[in-house]
Amino acid sequence: MRVLVVEDDAETRELVVRALTRDGHAVHGACSALEARSALADRDVDVVVLDLGLPDASGTSLCTALRAEGQTVPILVLTAHGAVSSRVACFDAGADDFLAKPFAVAELRVRVRALGRRGPLPRALVRRVGDVDLDITARRATRNGVELPLTAREWALLELLAAREGCVVSRAEILDVVWGDDDERSGASLDVIVARVRRKLGESVVRTLRGEGYALGTS
């Protein structure tokens, strides 16, 4: 997998590059928004690891600009700000995942692998399921104009199902992509997330195919 690490702190950048290289990825480092743009123009990239505190632009503004230009590459944001408002700003800018500093390298590696397996999401992805409108791009669910709040993990599940265009996604793949592992605790958490999504949005939004997995419901 080809990974671009955009981080102005040399020590952190080298740490991330070394860790991901050991996983077998082809990793390129950039220390500014300008270098990141140049790298994206010159090579194919499967995942971007993006720090928010860049010297020539905020990572949030870079993320917003890339999405506006049609870039669909998955973006994992690194930031020293772990507040809910910071996470919301990252997702609003088009980020796919968020990791607060200081972070565990093992968790970073798992999240990068998960984003790489999932691949880019089609942007401007909107689905209508029953009487619920799902704007996957904006992470906004509404019924008759009233917004229905969902958590980041609930959205991660819906994004994966929506990206498969109604095809069945196995429990094992969901656990691998959304949770990063498939142990008993993660399996129980998936059951809880599916139940919560159905309670908030309606039973038909997530279909269960017994013995196979889950799929997004159809309108």
Protein backbone atom coordinates (compact mmCIF):
# COMPACT_ATOMS: atom_id res chain seq x y z
CA MET A 1 0.00 0.00 0.00
CA ARG A 2 1.20 3.55 -0.78
CA VAL A 3 1.03 5.94 2.16
CA LEU A 4 1.73 9.67 2.31
CA VAL A 5 2.67 10.97 5.77
CA VAL A 6 2.23 14.76 6.09
CA GLU A 7 3.83 15.89 9.36
CA ASP A 8 6.07 18.90 10.01
CA ASP A 9 7.68 17.49 13.17
CA ALA A 10 10.67 15.51 11.88
CA GLU A 11 10.80 13.10 14.83
CA THR A 12 7.11 12.20 14.60
CA ARG A 13 7.26 11.95 10.81
CA GLU A 14 10.24 9.59 10.93
CA LEU A 15 8.55 7.47 13.61
CA VAL A 16 5.40 7.07 11.52
CA VAL A 17 7.32 6.44 8.29
CA ARG A 18 9.46 3.74 9.96
CA ALA A 19 6.46 2.01 11.54
CA LEU A 20 4.45 1.91 8.31
CA THR A 21 7.48 0.89 6.25
CA ARG A 22 8.00 -2.08 8.59
CA ASP A 23 4.43 -3.10 7.74
CA GLY A 24 5.46 -3.36 4.10
CA HIS A 25 3.95 -0.10 2.87
CA ALA A 26 5.64 2.24 0.41
CA VAL A 27 5.77 5.40 2.51
CA HIS A 28 6.58 8.97 1.43
CA GLY A 29 7.01 11.82 3.91
CA ALA A 30 6.06 15.47 3.47
CA CYS A 31 6.53 18.33 5.94
CA SER A 32 4.09 20.91 4.54
CA ALA A 33 0.83 21.33 2.65
CA LEU A 34 2.81 22.35 -0.44
CA GLU A 35 4.91 19.18 -0.34
CA ALA A 36 1.78 17.10 0.23
CA ARG A 37 0.10 18.57 -2.85
CA SER A 38 3.21 17.92 -4.91
CA ALA A 39 3.37 14.32 -3.72
CA LEU A 40 -0.29 13.70 -4.50
CA ALA A 41 0.19 15.15 -7.98
CA ASP A 42 3.27 13.04 -8.70
CA ARG A 43 2.25 9.61 -7.38
CA ASP A 44 -0.66 7.34 -6.61
CA VAL A 45 -1.50 7.31 -2.89
CA ASP A 46 -3.79 4.86 -1.09
CA VAL A 47 -3.88 6.55 2.34
CA VAL A 48 -2.85 9.97 3.65
CA VAL A 49 -1.78 10.41 7.28
CA LEU A 50 -2.25 14.15 7.87
CA ASP A 51 -1.12 16.29 10.80
CA LEU A 52 -3.27 19.36 11.49
CA GLY A 53 -0.41 21.68 12.55
CA LEU A 54 1.40 22.32 9.28
CA PRO A 55 3.65 25.39 8.82
CA ASP A 56 2.06 26.72 5.62
CA ALA A 57 -1.62 25.78 6.09
CA SER A 58 -3.80 23.98 8.59
CA GLY A 59 -4.36 20.31 7.94
CA THR A 60 -8.10 21.00 8.10
CA SER A 61 -7.93 23.54 5.27
CA LEU A 62 -5.77 21.18 3.21
CA CYS A 63 -8.25 18.37 3.75
CA THR A 64 -11.15 20.62 2.75
CA ALA A 65 -9.32 21.78 -0.38
CA LEU A 66 -8.44 18.24 -1.45
CA ARG A 67 -12.05 17.11 -1.12
CA ALA A 68 -13.27 20.17 -3.03
CA GLU A 69 -10.86 19.22 -5.83
CA GLY A 70 -12.28 15.72 -6.01
CA GLN A 71 -9.56 13.82 -4.10
CA THR A 72 -11.13 10.65 -2.67
CA VAL A 73 -8.03 9.16 -1.02
CA PRO A 74 -8.76 8.09 2.59
CA ILE A 75 -7.34 10.60 5.10
CA LEU A 76 -6.35 9.82 8.69
CA VAL A 77 -5.89 12.99 10.72
CA LEU A 78 -3.35 13.30 13.54
CA THR A 79 -3.82 16.13 16.00
CA ALA A 80 -2.80 17.18 19.48
CA HIS A 81 -6.39 18.38 20.07
CA GLY A 82 -8.64 15.58 21.26
CA ALA A 83 -11.74 17.67 21.96
CA VAL A 84 -15.05 16.68 20.37
CA SER A 85 -15.15 20.00 18.49
CA SER A 86 -11.79 19.21 16.90
CA ARG A 87 -12.96 15.77 15.80
CA VAL A 88 -16.14 17.24 14.34
CA ALA A 89 -14.12 19.84 12.41
CA CYS A 90 -11.92 17.09 10.97
CA PHE A 91 -14.85 15.02 9.78
CA ASP A 92 -16.61 18.11 8.41
CA ALA A 93 -13.45 18.83 6.40
CA GLY A 94 -13.67 15.39 4.82
CA ALA A 95 -11.34 13.31 6.98
CA ASP A 96 -12.09 9.59 7.22
CA ASP A 97 -10.55 8.88 10.61
CA PHE A 98 -9.02 10.72 13.56
CA LEU A 99 -6.20 9.87 15.97
CA ALA A 100 -5.25 12.14 18.86
CA LYS A 101 -1.63 12.69 19.91
CA PRO A 102 0.08 11.12 21.71
CA PHE A 103 -0.98 7.93 19.95
CA ALA A 104 0.01 4.27 20.13
CA VAL A 105 1.95 3.26 17.02
CA ALA A 106 0.14 -0.09 16.98
CA GLU A 107 -3.22 1.69 16.75
CA LEU A 108 -1.94 3.94 13.97
CA ARG A 109 -0.82 0.90 11.98
CA VAL A 110 -4.21 -0.81 12.40
CA ARG A 111 -6.14 2.30 11.35
CA VAL A 112 -3.98 2.82 8.26
CA ARG A 113 -4.49 -0.81 7.23
CA ALA A 114 -8.25 -0.50 7.76
CA LEU A 115 -8.50 2.64 5.62
CA GLY A 116 -6.40 1.04 2.91
CA ARG A 117 -8.63 -2.04 2.77
CA ARG A 118 -11.77 0.06 2.64
CA GLY A 119 -10.42 2.22 -0.18
CA PRO A 120 -11.74 5.63 -1.25
CA LEU A 121 -15.40 6.42 -0.77
CA PRO A 122 -17.29 8.00 -3.63
CA ARG A 123 -17.77 11.62 -2.59
CA ALA A 124 -21.19 13.25 -2.70
CA LEU A 125 -22.57 9.85 -1.73
CA VAL A 126 -26.24 10.10 -0.79
CA ARG A 127 -28.66 7.25 -0.12
CA ARG A 128 -32.37 7.19 0.70
CA VAL A 129 -33.52 4.24 2.78
CA GLY A 130 -37.21 4.24 3.56
CA ASP A 131 -38.00 7.73 4.83
CA VAL A 132 -34.40 8.43 5.89
CA ASP A 133 -31.91 10.42 3.79
CA LEU A 134 -28.27 9.48 4.37
CA ASP A 135 -25.69 12.00 3.18
CA ILE A 136 -22.64 9.80 3.63
CA THR A 137 -20.26 12.53 2.52
CA ALA A 138 -21.49 15.06 5.07
CA ARG A 139 -22.26 12.41 7.69
CA ARG A 140 -25.80 13.73 7.99
CA ALA A 141 -28.93 11.63 8.44
CA THR A 142 -32.36 13.26 8.22
CA ARG A 143 -36.01 12.25 8.32
CA ASN A 144 -38.45 14.86 6.97
CA GLY A 145 -35.76 17.51 7.36
CA VAL A 146 -35.02 16.63 10.99
CA GLU A 147 -31.43 15.57 11.65
CA LEU A 148 -30.86 12.24 13.39
CA PRO A 149 -27.61 12.19 15.41
CA LEU A 150 -25.20 9.30 14.86
CA THR A 151 -21.82 8.53 16.39
CA ALA A 152 -18.57 8.27 14.42
CA ARG A 153 -18.58 4.47 14.64
CA GLU A 154 -22.21 4.27 13.51
CA TRP A 155 -21.24 6.38 10.50
CA ALA A 156 -18.20 4.19 9.84
CA LEU A 157 -20.50 1.18 9.57
CA LEU A 158 -22.94 2.99 7.26
CA GLU A 159 -20.09 4.32 5.10
CA LEU A 160 -18.71 0.83 4.57
CA LEU A 161 -22.12 -0.60 3.69
CA ALA A 162 -22.91 2.33 1.37
CA ALA A 163 -19.56 1.99 -0.40
CA ARG A 164 -20.49 -1.58 -1.34
CA GLU A 165 -23.64 -0.42 -3.19
CA GLY A 166 -26.04 -2.70 -1.35
CA CYS A 167 -23.81 -5.80 -1.50
CA VAL A 168 -23.44 -7.96 1.59
CA VAL A 169 -20.44 -7.21 3.81
CA SER A 170 -19.39 -10.02 6.12
CA ARG A 171 -19.12 -9.53 9.88
CA ALA A 172 -15.43 -10.41 9.67
CA GLU A 173 -14.75 -7.65 7.14
CA ILE A 174 -16.77 -5.07 9.09
CA LEU A 175 -14.86 -5.88 12.25
CA ASP A 176 -11.54 -5.70 10.41
CA VAL A 177 -12.28 -2.37 8.69
CA VAL A 178 -14.26 -0.54 11.39
CA TRP A 179 -12.79 -2.01 14.60
CA GLY A 180 -9.39 -3.22 13.42
CA ASP A 181 -9.84 -6.67 14.96
CA ASP A 182 -12.43 -9.44 15.22
CA ASP A 183 -12.25 -10.53 18.84
CA GLU A 184 -15.29 -11.26 20.99
CA ARG A 185 -15.50 -7.75 22.43
CA SER A 186 -15.51 -6.17 18.96
CA GLY A 187 -18.19 -8.60 17.79
CA ALA A 188 -20.41 -7.63 20.72
CA SER A 189 -19.78 -3.96 19.96
CA LEU A 190 -20.88 -4.50 16.34
CA ASP A 191 -24.15 -6.00 17.54
CA VAL A 192 -24.72 -2.95 19.73
CA ILE A 193 -23.93 -0.52 16.88
CA VAL A 194 -26.31 -2.28 14.47
CA ALA A 195 -29.07 -2.21 17.09
CA ARG A 196 -28.51 1.51 17.77
CA VAL A 197 -28.56 2.41 14.07
CA ARG A 198 -31.83 0.54 13.62
CA ARG A 199 -33.33 2.20 16.69
CA LYS A 200 -32.38 5.66 15.44
CA LEU A 201 -33.03 5.26 11.72
CA GLY A 202 -35.44 2.34 11.42
CA GLU A 203 -35.20 -1.43 11.24
CA SER A 204 -34.85 -1.51 7.44
CA VAL A 205 -31.73 0.67 7.21
CA VAL A 206 -29.33 -2.19 7.93
CA ARG A 207 -30.34 -5.59 6.56
CA THR A 208 -29.09 -8.81 8.14
CA LEU A 209 -28.37 -11.76 5.88
CA ARG A 210 -28.12 -14.63 8.30
CA GLY A 211 -24.82 -16.45 8.08
CA GLU A 212 -23.45 -13.88 5.60
CA GLY A 213 -23.34 -10.36 7.06
CA TYR A 214 -25.02 -7.01 6.61
CA ALA A 215 -26.07 -4.72 3.77
CA LEU A 216 -27.53 -1.25 3.52
CA GLY A 217 -31.28 -1.34 3.10
CA THR A 218 -32.92 -0.22 -0.12
CA SER A 219 -35.47 2.54 -0.58
